[in-house]
Amino acid sequence: MENSVIATFITGISQVGFPIMITFYLFTRFEKKLDQLSVNISSLIEVIKAVIKDESKQG
């Protein structure tokens, strides 16, 4: 009986473990890209504010 539980556990890990590891890998890669995207968006907001401020002074 114990062997069947172990076999079921190993089968479950082999079927679910790989997708979980791939998901973890992709999330860590995407997290770095999302952090950089957040920095770029913040910079863009500052540039847009500066442009709007300059245009309001001219007009």
PDB file of N, CA and C in Angstrom:
ATOM      1  N   MET A   1       0.826  -1.196   0.000  1.00  0.00           N
ATOM      2  CA  MET A   1       0.000   0.000   0.000  1.00  0.00           C
ATOM      3  C   MET A   1       0.867   1.254   0.000  1.00  0.00           C
ATOM      4  N   GLU A   2       1.929   1.261   0.761  1.00  0.00           N
ATOM      5  CA  GLU A   2       2.796   2.424   0.839  1.00  0.00           C
ATOM      6  C   GLU A   2       3.479   2.694  -0.498  1.00  0.00           C
ATOM      7  N   ASN A   3       3.804   1.637  -1.234  1.00  0.00           N
ATOM      8  CA  ASN A   3       4.449   1.816  -2.537  1.00  0.00           C
ATOM      9  C   ASN A   3       3.534   2.529  -3.525  1.00  0.00           C
ATOM     10  N   SER A   4       2.237   2.254  -3.459  1.00  0.00           N
ATOM     11  CA  SER A   4       1.309   2.909  -4.382  1.00  0.00           C
ATOM     12  C   SER A   4       1.182   4.399  -4.068  1.00  0.00           C
ATOM     13  N   VAL A   5       1.265   4.766  -2.783  1.00  0.00           N
ATOM     14  CA  VAL A   5       1.202   6.172  -2.404  1.00  0.00           C
ATOM     15  C   VAL A   5       2.446   6.894  -2.911  1.00  0.00           C
ATOM     16  N   ILE A   6       3.597   6.270  -2.751  1.00  0.00           N
ATOM     17  CA  ILE A   6       4.848   6.870  -3.223  1.00  0.00           C
ATOM     18  C   ILE A   6       4.828   6.995  -4.745  1.00  0.00           C
ATOM     19  N   ALA A   7       4.346   5.948  -5.412  1.00  0.00           N
ATOM     20  CA  ALA A   7       4.275   5.991  -6.870  1.00  0.00           C
ATOM     21  C   ALA A   7       3.340   7.109  -7.329  1.00  0.00           C
ATOM     22  N   THR A   8       2.212   7.258  -6.659  1.00  0.00           N
ATOM     23  CA  THR A   8       1.274   8.323  -7.004  1.00  0.00           C
ATOM     24  C   THR A   8       1.901   9.696  -6.765  1.00  0.00           C
ATOM     25  N   PHE A   9       2.632   9.846  -5.659  1.00  0.00           N
ATOM     26  CA  PHE A   9       3.293  11.108  -5.337  1.00  0.00           C
ATOM     27  C   PHE A   9       4.341  11.444  -6.398  1.00  0.00           C
ATOM     28  N   ILE A  10       5.152  10.465  -6.773  1.00  0.00           N
ATOM     29  CA  ILE A  10       6.190  10.700  -7.792  1.00  0.00           C
ATOM     30  C   ILE A  10       5.558  11.042  -9.131  1.00  0.00           C
ATOM     31  N   THR A  11       4.484  10.357  -9.485  1.00  0.00           N
ATOM     32  CA  THR A  11       3.785  10.660 -10.733  1.00  0.00           C
ATOM     33  C   THR A  11       3.227  12.077 -10.706  1.00  0.00           C
ATOM     34  N   GLY A  12       2.655  12.467  -9.570  1.00  0.00           N
ATOM     35  CA  GLY A  12       2.113  13.821  -9.440  1.00  0.00           C
ATOM     36  C   GLY A  12       3.193  14.876  -9.574  1.00  0.00           C
ATOM     37  N   ILE A  13       4.353  14.650  -8.955  1.00  0.00           N
ATOM     38  CA  ILE A  13       5.465  15.599  -9.044  1.00  0.00           C
ATOM     39  C   ILE A  13       5.956  15.703 -10.482  1.00  0.00           C
ATOM     40  N   SER A  14       6.081  14.582 -11.151  1.00  0.00           N
ATOM     41  CA  SER A  14       6.588  14.614 -12.522  1.00  0.00           C
ATOM     42  C   SER A  14       5.609  15.313 -13.462  1.00  0.00           C
ATOM     43  N   GLN A  15       4.309  15.214 -13.184  1.00  0.00           N
ATOM     44  CA  GLN A  15       3.322  15.856 -14.046  1.00  0.00           C
ATOM     45  C   GLN A  15       3.123  17.319 -13.701  1.00  0.00           C
ATOM     46  N   VAL A  16       3.214  17.665 -12.458  1.00  0.00           N
ATOM     47  CA  VAL A  16       2.948  19.027 -12.025  1.00  0.00           C
ATOM     48  C   VAL A  16       4.235  19.804 -11.794  1.00  0.00           C
ATOM     49  N   GLY A  17       5.308  19.147 -11.423  1.00  0.00           N
ATOM     50  CA  GLY A  17       6.557  19.815 -11.075  1.00  0.00           C
ATOM     51  C   GLY A  17       7.164  20.596 -12.217  1.00  0.00           C
ATOM     52  N   PHE A  18       7.189  20.024 -13.393  1.00  0.00           N
ATOM     53  CA  PHE A  18       7.779  20.705 -14.544  1.00  0.00           C
ATOM     54  C   PHE A  18       7.030  21.994 -14.884  1.00  0.00           C
ATOM     55  N   PRO A  19       5.710  21.955 -15.010  1.00  0.00           N
ATOM     56  CA  PRO A  19       4.995  23.209 -15.283  1.00  0.00           C
ATOM     57  C   PRO A  19       5.188  24.260 -14.190  1.00  0.00           C
ATOM     58  N   ILE A  20       5.275  23.829 -12.951  1.00  0.00           N
ATOM     59  CA  ILE A  20       5.490  24.780 -11.867  1.00  0.00           C
ATOM     60  C   ILE A  20       6.858  25.426 -12.001  1.00  0.00           C
ATOM     61  N   MET A  21       7.870  24.661 -12.322  1.00  0.00           N
ATOM     62  CA  MET A  21       9.216  25.212 -12.477  1.00  0.00           C
ATOM     63  C   MET A  21       9.283  26.166 -13.670  1.00  0.00           C
ATOM     64  N   ILE A  22       8.646  25.825 -14.759  1.00  0.00           N
ATOM     65  CA  ILE A  22       8.622  26.710 -15.927  1.00  0.00           C
ATOM     66  C   ILE A  22       7.900  28.014 -15.577  1.00  0.00           C
ATOM     67  N   THR A  23       6.787  27.909 -14.864  1.00  0.00           N
ATOM     68  CA  THR A  23       6.037  29.092 -14.454  1.00  0.00           C
ATOM     69  C   THR A  23       6.882  29.982 -13.555  1.00  0.00           C
ATOM     70  N   PHE A  24       7.574  29.399 -12.596  1.00  0.00           N
ATOM     71  CA  PHE A  24       8.440  30.164 -11.699  1.00  0.00           C
ATOM     72  C   PHE A  24       9.536  30.873 -12.488  1.00  0.00           C
ATOM     73  N   TYR A  25      10.146  30.169 -13.418  1.00  0.00           N
ATOM     74  CA  TYR A  25      11.204  30.758 -14.246  1.00  0.00           C
ATOM     75  C   TYR A  25      10.682  31.948 -15.052  1.00  0.00           C
ATOM     76  N   LEU A  26       9.529  31.764 -15.678  1.00  0.00           N
ATOM     77  CA  LEU A  26       8.966  32.835 -16.496  1.00  0.00           C
ATOM     78  C   LEU A  26       8.545  34.031 -15.647  1.00  0.00           C
ATOM     79  N   PHE A  27       7.974  33.774 -14.476  1.00  0.00           N
ATOM     80  CA  PHE A  27       7.589  34.879 -13.597  1.00  0.00           C
ATOM     81  C   PHE A  27       8.794  35.680 -13.138  1.00  0.00           C
ATOM     82  N   THR A  28       9.896  35.018 -12.844  1.00  0.00           N
ATOM     83  CA  THR A  28      11.076  35.760 -12.408  1.00  0.00           C
ATOM     84  C   THR A  28      11.640  36.591 -13.557  1.00  0.00           C
ATOM     85  N   ARG A  29      11.595  36.064 -14.768  1.00  0.00           N
ATOM     86  CA  ARG A  29      12.066  36.846 -15.921  1.00  0.00           C
ATOM     87  C   ARG A  29      11.143  38.031 -16.189  1.00  0.00           C
ATOM     88  N   PHE A  30       9.832  37.791 -16.129  1.00  0.00           N
ATOM     89  CA  PHE A  30       8.870  38.854 -16.378  1.00  0.00           C
ATOM     90  C   PHE A  30       8.920  39.919 -15.289  1.00  0.00           C
ATOM     91  N   GLU A  31       9.231  39.511 -14.063  1.00  0.00           N
ATOM     92  CA  GLU A  31       9.295  40.471 -12.962  1.00  0.00           C
ATOM     93  C   GLU A  31      10.372  41.518 -13.230  1.00  0.00           C
ATOM     94  N   LYS A  32      11.533  41.079 -13.716  1.00  0.00           N
ATOM     95  CA  LYS A  32      12.604  42.018 -14.034  1.00  0.00           C
ATOM     96  C   LYS A  32      12.176  42.974 -15.140  1.00  0.00           C
ATOM     97  N   LYS A  33      11.497  42.439 -16.135  1.00  0.00           N
ATOM     98  CA  LYS A  33      11.054  43.276 -17.246  1.00  0.00           C
ATOM     99  C   LYS A  33       9.962  44.244 -16.794  1.00  0.00           C
ATOM    100  N   LEU A  34       9.093  43.798 -15.895  1.00  0.00           N
ATOM    101  CA  LEU A  34       8.044  44.678 -15.390  1.00  0.00           C
ATOM    102  C   LEU A  34       8.625  45.793 -14.528  1.00  0.00           C
ATOM    103  N   ASP A  35       9.659  45.486 -13.760  1.00  0.00           N
ATOM    104  CA  ASP A  35      10.324  46.521 -12.968  1.00  0.00           C
ATOM    105  C   ASP A  35      10.917  47.592 -13.882  1.00  0.00           C
ATOM    106  N   GLN A  36      11.569  47.170 -14.938  1.00  0.00           N
ATOM    107  CA  GLN A  36      12.151  48.130 -15.890  1.00  0.00           C
ATOM    108  C   GLN A  36      11.054  48.928 -16.586  1.00  0.00           C
ATOM    109  N   LEU A  37       9.955  48.276 -16.907  1.00  0.00           N
ATOM    110  CA  LEU A  37       8.826  48.960 -17.535  1.00  0.00           C
ATOM    111  C   LEU A  37       8.259  50.030 -16.604  1.00  0.00           C
ATOM    112  N   SER A  38       8.175  49.739 -15.327  1.00  0.00           N
ATOM    113  CA  SER A  38       7.687  50.717 -14.355  1.00  0.00           C
ATOM    114  C   SER A  38       8.599  51.938 -14.292  1.00  0.00           C
ATOM    115  N   VAL A  39       9.901  51.703 -14.327  1.00  0.00           N
ATOM    116  CA  VAL A  39      10.857  52.816 -14.319  1.00  0.00           C
ATOM    117  C   VAL A  39      10.687  53.656 -15.578  1.00  0.00           C
ATOM    118  N   ASN A  40      10.554  53.006 -16.715  1.00  0.00           N
ATOM    119  CA  ASN A  40      10.389  53.734 -17.978  1.00  0.00           C
ATOM    120  C   ASN A  40       9.093  54.538 -18.012  1.00  0.00           C
ATOM    121  N   ILE A  41       8.029  53.978 -17.477  1.00  0.00           N
ATOM    122  CA  ILE A  41       6.755  54.695 -17.444  1.00  0.00           C
ATOM    123  C   ILE A  41       6.863  55.917 -16.542  1.00  0.00           C
ATOM    124  N   SER A  42       7.531  55.771 -15.413  1.00  0.00           N
ATOM    125  CA  SER A  42       7.721  56.913 -14.516  1.00  0.00           C
ATOM    126  C   SER A  42       8.515  58.019 -15.205  1.00  0.00           C
ATOM    127  N   SER A  43       9.543  57.640 -15.932  1.00  0.00           N
ATOM    128  CA  SER A  43      10.334  58.632 -16.672  1.00  0.00           C
ATOM    129  C   SER A  43       9.489  59.307 -17.743  1.00  0.00           C
ATOM    130  N   LEU A  44       8.685  58.549 -18.419  1.00  0.00           N
ATOM    131  CA  LEU A  44       7.822  59.101 -19.460  1.00  0.00           C
ATOM    132  C   LEU A  44       6.818  60.084 -18.876  1.00  0.00           C
ATOM    133  N   ILE A  45       6.285  59.770 -17.708  1.00  0.00           N
ATOM    134  CA  ILE A  45       5.352  60.679 -17.052  1.00  0.00           C
ATOM    135  C   ILE A  45       6.020  62.012 -16.758  1.00  0.00           C
ATOM    136  N   GLU A  46       7.246  61.964 -16.276  1.00  0.00           N
ATOM    137  CA  GLU A  46       7.972  63.208 -15.977  1.00  0.00           C
ATOM    138  C   GLU A  46       8.222  64.025 -17.241  1.00  0.00           C
ATOM    139  N   VAL A  47       8.562  63.361 -18.325  1.00  0.00           N
ATOM    140  CA  VAL A  47       8.791  64.062 -19.594  1.00  0.00           C
ATOM    141  C   VAL A  47       7.496  64.699 -20.083  1.00  0.00           C
ATOM    142  N   ILE A  48       6.411  63.978 -20.005  1.00  0.00           N
ATOM    143  CA  ILE A  48       5.126  64.514 -20.452  1.00  0.00           C
ATOM    144  C   ILE A  48       4.729  65.729 -19.610  1.00  0.00           C
ATOM    145  N   LYS A  49       4.944  65.639 -18.290  1.00  0.00           N
ATOM    146  CA  LYS A  49       4.639  66.784 -17.424  1.00  0.00           C
ATOM    147  C   LYS A  49       5.472  68.002 -17.810  1.00  0.00           C
ATOM    148  N   ALA A  50       6.743  67.790 -18.120  1.00  0.00           N
ATOM    149  CA  ALA A  50       7.623  68.896 -18.505  1.00  0.00           C
ATOM    150  C   ALA A  50       7.169  69.512 -19.820  1.00  0.00           C
ATOM    151  N   VAL A  51       6.777  68.690 -20.764  1.00  0.00           N
ATOM    152  CA  VAL A  51       6.315  69.202 -22.058  1.00  0.00           C
ATOM    153  C   VAL A  51       5.035  70.004 -21.879  1.00  0.00           C
ATOM    154  N   ILE A  52       4.112  69.494 -21.093  1.00  0.00           N
ATOM    155  CA  ILE A  52       2.861  70.211 -20.853  1.00  0.00           C
ATOM    156  C   ILE A  52       3.134  71.538 -20.154  1.00  0.00           C
ATOM    157  N   LYS A  53       4.055  71.536 -19.205  1.00  0.00           N
ATOM    158  CA  LYS A  53       4.399  72.767 -18.492  1.00  0.00           C
ATOM    159  C   LYS A  53       5.002  73.799 -19.444  1.00  0.00           C
ATOM    160  N   ASP A  54       5.897  73.356 -20.333  1.00  0.00           N
ATOM    161  CA  ASP A  54       6.523  74.260 -21.311  1.00  0.00           C
ATOM    162  C   ASP A  54       5.483  74.824 -22.279  1.00  0.00           C
ATOM    163  N   GLU A  55       4.551  73.988 -22.713  1.00  0.00           N
ATOM    164  CA  GLU A  55       3.524  74.439 -23.648  1.00  0.00           C
ATOM    165  C   GLU A  55       2.579  75.448 -22.991  1.00  0.00           C
ATOM    166  N   SER A  56       2.302  75.246 -21.714  1.00  0.00           N
ATOM    167  CA  SER A  56       1.406  76.187 -21.044  1.00  0.00           C
ATOM    168  C   SER A  56       2.083  77.546 -20.824  1.00  0.00           C
ATOM    169  N   LYS A  57       3.400  77.560 -20.682  1.00  0.00           N
ATOM    170  CA  LYS A  57       4.134  78.820 -20.535  1.00  0.00           C
ATOM    171  C   LYS A  57       4.158  79.586 -21.857  1.00  0.00           C
ATOM    172  N   GLN A  58       4.268  78.859 -22.975  1.00  0.00           N
ATOM    173  CA  GLN A  58       4.354  79.492 -24.290  1.00  0.00           C
ATOM    174  C   GLN A  58       3.005  80.019 -24.756  1.00  0.00           C
ATOM    175  N   GLY A  59       1.941  79.326 -24.393  1.00  0.00           N
ATOM    176  CA  GLY A  59       0.625  79.694 -24.924  1.00  0.00           C
ATOM    177  C   GLY A  59      -0.153  80.464 -23.994  1.00  0.00           C
TER     178      GLY A  59
END
